Protein backbone atom coordinates (compact mmCIF):
# COMPACT_ATOMS: atom_id res chain seq x y z
CA MET A 1 154.87 55.52 277.20
CA SER A 2 156.33 57.85 274.54
CA ASP A 3 157.12 56.75 271.00
CA ILE A 4 160.86 56.76 271.68
CA SER A 5 160.38 54.71 274.90
CA LYS A 6 158.30 52.18 272.98
CA LYS A 7 160.87 51.95 270.18
CA LEU A 8 163.70 51.49 272.67
CA TYR A 9 161.88 48.62 274.40
CA GLU A 10 160.89 46.94 271.13
CA VAL A 11 164.35 47.12 269.57
CA ARG A 12 166.16 46.07 272.75
CA THR A 13 163.94 43.02 273.24
CA GLU A 14 164.07 42.06 269.55
CA LYS A 15 167.85 42.06 269.76
CA ASP A 16 167.71 40.12 273.06
CA VAL A 17 169.81 42.69 274.93
CA SER A 18 169.11 42.95 278.65
CA LEU A 19 169.05 46.28 280.44
CA SER A 20 172.14 45.22 282.39
CA LYS A 21 174.03 44.44 279.17
CA LEU A 22 172.89 47.68 277.56
CA SER A 23 174.06 49.55 280.64
CA ASN A 24 177.53 47.98 280.33
CA MET A 25 177.64 48.78 276.59
CA THR A 26 176.65 52.44 276.97
CA GLY A 27 177.89 53.44 280.42
CA ILE A 28 174.33 54.56 281.26
CA ALA A 29 172.99 53.30 284.60
CA LYS A 30 170.47 50.45 284.39
CA SER A 31 167.96 52.44 286.48
CA THR A 32 168.25 55.36 284.05
CA LEU A 33 167.62 53.05 281.08
CA GLN A 34 164.53 51.69 282.86
CA ARG A 35 163.20 55.24 283.24
CA TYR A 36 163.84 55.85 279.53
CA GLU A 37 161.84 52.73 278.59
CA THR A 38 158.92 53.34 280.93
CA GLY A 39 158.62 56.98 279.96
CA ALA A 40 159.38 58.17 283.49
CA THR A 41 162.07 60.37 281.92
CA LYS A 42 160.16 62.65 279.57
CA LYS A 43 163.14 63.98 277.62
CA ILE A 44 166.02 61.60 276.87
CA PRO A 45 169.34 63.43 276.21
CA LEU A 46 170.57 63.24 272.62
CA ASP A 47 173.97 61.99 273.86
CA ALA A 48 172.23 59.04 275.54
CA ILE A 49 170.19 58.30 272.40
CA TYR A 50 173.39 58.30 270.33
CA LEU A 51 175.10 55.84 272.70
CA ILE A 52 172.06 53.53 272.80
CA GLU A 53 171.71 53.52 269.00
CA LYS A 54 175.41 52.76 268.62
CA ALA A 55 175.29 49.94 271.18
CA LEU A 56 172.24 48.37 269.51
CA ASN A 57 173.79 48.78 266.06
CA LEU A 58 171.05 51.16 264.89
CA ALA A 59 171.33 53.90 262.30
CA ALA A 60 171.46 57.40 263.77
CA GLY A 61 167.93 58.74 264.19
CA CYS A 62 166.19 55.35 264.40
CA LEU A 63 164.96 55.83 267.98
CA LEU A 64 163.80 59.36 267.17
CA GLY A 65 161.52 57.96 264.46
CA LEU A 66 163.60 59.35 261.60
CA LEU A 67 164.11 55.80 260.28
CA PRO A 68 161.89 52.70 260.45
CA ASN A 69 162.44 50.09 263.14
CA PRO A 70 165.03 47.53 262.07
CA ARG A 71 163.88 43.92 262.03
CA PRO A 72 166.11 41.00 262.90
CA LYS A 73 167.61 39.44 259.79
CA LYS A 74 169.31 36.16 259.22
CA GLU A 75 173.01 36.84 259.56
CA THR A 76 174.86 36.75 256.26
CA PHE A 77 178.36 37.75 255.34
CA ALA A 78 178.97 39.61 252.11
CA SER A 79 182.10 38.99 250.08
CA PRO A 80 184.74 41.53 251.10
CA SER A 81 185.60 44.27 248.66
CA ILE A 82 189.30 44.95 248.31
CA THR A 83 190.68 48.29 247.24
CA PRO A 84 194.37 48.75 246.48
CA GLU A 85 194.02 52.54 246.70
CA VAL A 86 195.19 53.33 250.21
CA THR A 87 197.38 55.90 251.89
CA GLN A 88 199.78 54.89 254.66
CA PHE A 89 199.88 57.09 257.77
CA PRO A 90 202.32 56.92 260.69
CA VAL A 91 200.66 56.71 264.12
CA LEU A 92 202.41 59.81 265.45
CA GLY A 93 201.64 59.42 269.14
CA ASP A 94 198.90 59.35 271.75
CA ILE A 95 195.84 61.50 272.39
CA GLY A 96 194.31 61.29 275.84
CA ALA A 97 190.74 60.13 276.31
CA GLY A 98 191.24 61.60 279.75
CA TYR A 99 193.18 64.59 281.02
CA ASP A 100 196.86 65.40 281.59
CA ARG A 101 198.26 63.66 278.50
CA LEU A 102 201.35 65.41 277.14
CA ALA A 103 201.17 66.47 273.50
CA MET A 104 204.27 64.96 272.00
CA GLU A 105 205.16 63.00 268.90
CA ASP A 106 206.43 59.53 269.74
CA TRP A 107 206.46 57.54 266.51
CA THR A 108 207.31 53.90 267.17
CA GLY A 109 207.20 52.90 263.51
CA GLU A 110 203.53 51.88 263.69
CA THR A 111 201.48 52.72 260.60
CA VAL A 112 197.91 52.32 259.37
CA GLU A 113 196.58 52.17 255.83
CA ILE A 114 193.52 54.30 255.11
CA PRO A 115 191.41 53.76 251.97
CA ASN A 116 191.63 56.89 249.85
CA THR A 117 187.85 57.14 249.70
CA TYR A 118 187.87 58.18 253.37
CA LEU A 119 190.15 61.12 252.59
CA CYS A 120 187.39 62.65 250.45
CA GLY A 121 189.82 64.12 247.94
CA ARG A 122 192.00 65.81 250.56
CA LYS A 123 195.78 65.53 250.70
CA LYS A 124 197.63 63.24 253.10
CA GLU A 125 199.17 66.22 254.89
CA ASP A 126 195.68 67.42 255.88
CA PHE A 127 195.45 64.54 258.35
CA ILE A 128 197.25 62.95 261.29
CA VAL A 129 196.65 59.63 263.04
CA LEU A 130 196.86 59.41 266.83
CA ARG A 131 196.33 56.54 269.31
CA VAL A 132 193.69 56.85 272.06
CA LYS A 133 194.86 56.53 275.66
CA GLY A 134 192.43 56.43 278.57
CA ASP A 135 188.71 55.75 278.87
CA SER A 136 186.99 59.08 279.46
CA MET A 137 185.37 58.82 276.00
CA TYR A 138 184.26 55.18 276.44
CA PRO A 139 182.27 53.59 274.85
CA LEU A 140 182.69 55.86 271.82
CA TYR A 141 186.49 55.55 271.90
CA HIS A 142 188.43 52.65 273.43
CA GLU A 143 192.00 52.44 274.71
CA GLY A 144 194.24 51.65 271.75
CA ASP A 145 191.90 52.95 269.04
CA LYS A 146 193.55 54.88 266.24
CA VAL A 147 191.84 58.07 265.08
CA LEU A 148 192.25 59.79 261.72
CA ILE A 149 192.07 63.50 262.52
CA LEU A 150 191.40 66.20 259.96
CA LYS A 151 193.60 69.16 260.84
CA GLN A 152 191.70 72.38 261.43
CA SER A 153 191.95 75.19 263.97
CA THR A 154 188.23 75.54 264.69
CA LEU A 155 185.27 73.28 265.37
CA ASN A 156 182.23 73.34 263.13
CA HIS A 157 179.67 73.50 265.93
CA SER A 158 179.44 73.63 269.72
CA GLY A 159 178.95 70.05 270.93
CA ASP A 160 181.26 68.55 268.29
CA ILE A 161 184.04 66.16 269.31
CA GLY A 162 187.48 67.64 268.77
CA ALA A 163 191.16 67.09 269.41
CA ILE A 164 192.30 69.86 271.74
CA VAL A 165 195.62 71.07 273.14
CA TYR A 166 195.32 72.97 276.43
CA ASN A 167 197.85 74.41 278.92
CA ASP A 168 200.15 74.59 275.84
CA GLU A 169 201.21 70.95 276.26
CA LEU A 170 198.28 68.68 277.17
CA VAL A 171 196.26 67.00 274.45
CA THR A 172 192.84 65.37 274.71
CA ILE A 173 189.86 64.25 272.65
CA LYS A 174 186.55 65.48 274.05
CA LYS A 175 183.13 66.79 273.23
CA VAL A 176 183.57 70.57 273.19
CA GLU A 177 180.96 73.16 274.10
CA TYR A 178 181.38 76.90 273.65
CA ALA A 179 179.33 80.03 272.97
CA PRO A 180 180.36 82.41 270.17
CA GLY A 181 181.66 85.66 271.61
CA GLU A 182 182.05 84.28 275.13
CA ASN A 183 185.37 83.63 276.84
CA TRP A 184 185.10 79.95 277.80
CA MET A 185 185.27 76.41 276.47
CA ARG A 186 184.00 73.24 278.18
CA LEU A 187 185.62 69.83 277.60
CA ILE A 188 183.06 67.09 278.21
CA PRO A 189 183.83 63.34 278.53
CA ILE A 190 181.30 60.74 277.35
CA ASN A 191 182.14 58.40 280.24
CA PRO A 192 180.05 59.62 283.22
CA GLU A 193 182.84 58.67 285.64
CA TYR A 194 184.77 61.74 284.45
CA LYS A 195 183.81 65.35 285.09
CA PRO A 196 183.74 68.12 282.48
CA GLN A 197 186.58 70.63 282.59
CA GLN A 198 185.98 74.30 281.82
CA ILE A 199 188.70 76.48 280.32
CA GLU A 200 188.09 80.19 280.52
CA GLY A 201 189.64 83.63 280.67
CA GLU A 202 193.37 83.84 280.08
CA ASP A 203 193.69 80.04 279.98
CA LEU A 204 192.01 80.08 276.56
CA ALA A 205 195.15 81.70 275.14
CA HIS A 206 196.95 78.43 275.94
CA CYS A 207 194.29 76.26 274.30
CA ALA A 208 193.98 75.33 270.62
CA VAL A 209 191.96 73.04 268.38
CA ILE A 210 194.11 70.46 266.54
CA GLY A 211 191.31 69.07 264.42
CA ILE A 212 188.25 66.85 264.29
CA PRO A 213 188.10 63.02 264.21
CA LYS A 214 187.00 61.67 260.83
CA LEU A 215 187.68 57.94 261.07
CA LEU A 216 188.06 55.40 263.89
CA ILE A 217 190.34 52.40 263.38
CA ARG A 218 189.79 49.62 265.93
CA GLU A 219 191.44 46.22 266.03
CA PHE A 220 189.56 43.18 267.37
């Protein structure tokens, strides 16, 4: 059993999360999770590690040994901190966590207030807020989530998640892979029920990056 397999088993059992429950939380098949824990799968994909860490409420890098194993703590609730310094954003419309969602502004009057600390010194006009529709990015993004998107026309790295317009009128949020100097772009869902979509050749002229998600707002 590898170190990461051992850590996964220890943390999952300490948190009393069954493999079936973890499968539902991550979208990863129970049999695949079993292979991760037993070491039958020698190299666990980084995407899967990210989803497992998020589902188990672990800091990024914990399963890779970059951080110590968390230990169960008695649940306590800190006093909330209240900041009056917020910026109000209109929720301009929808962004598809799927395919074939038209890129159009449809403001219904809904707004969200974002603490200014999350803007990192940038101006309000550098951002937009859109509402997630669909489940191709589940469990990272849920139907109805609002996403604060930093406007920019390029992605920082291949494999980043970005807001993309393609076919001149369809908008989606996806993990995006590309190779510098090559004439293609691949849109990759997190939800394994959806297939990646590759855009290449002349179709790239009708594709553009809107920006990158910086903050997720989810109501419970």
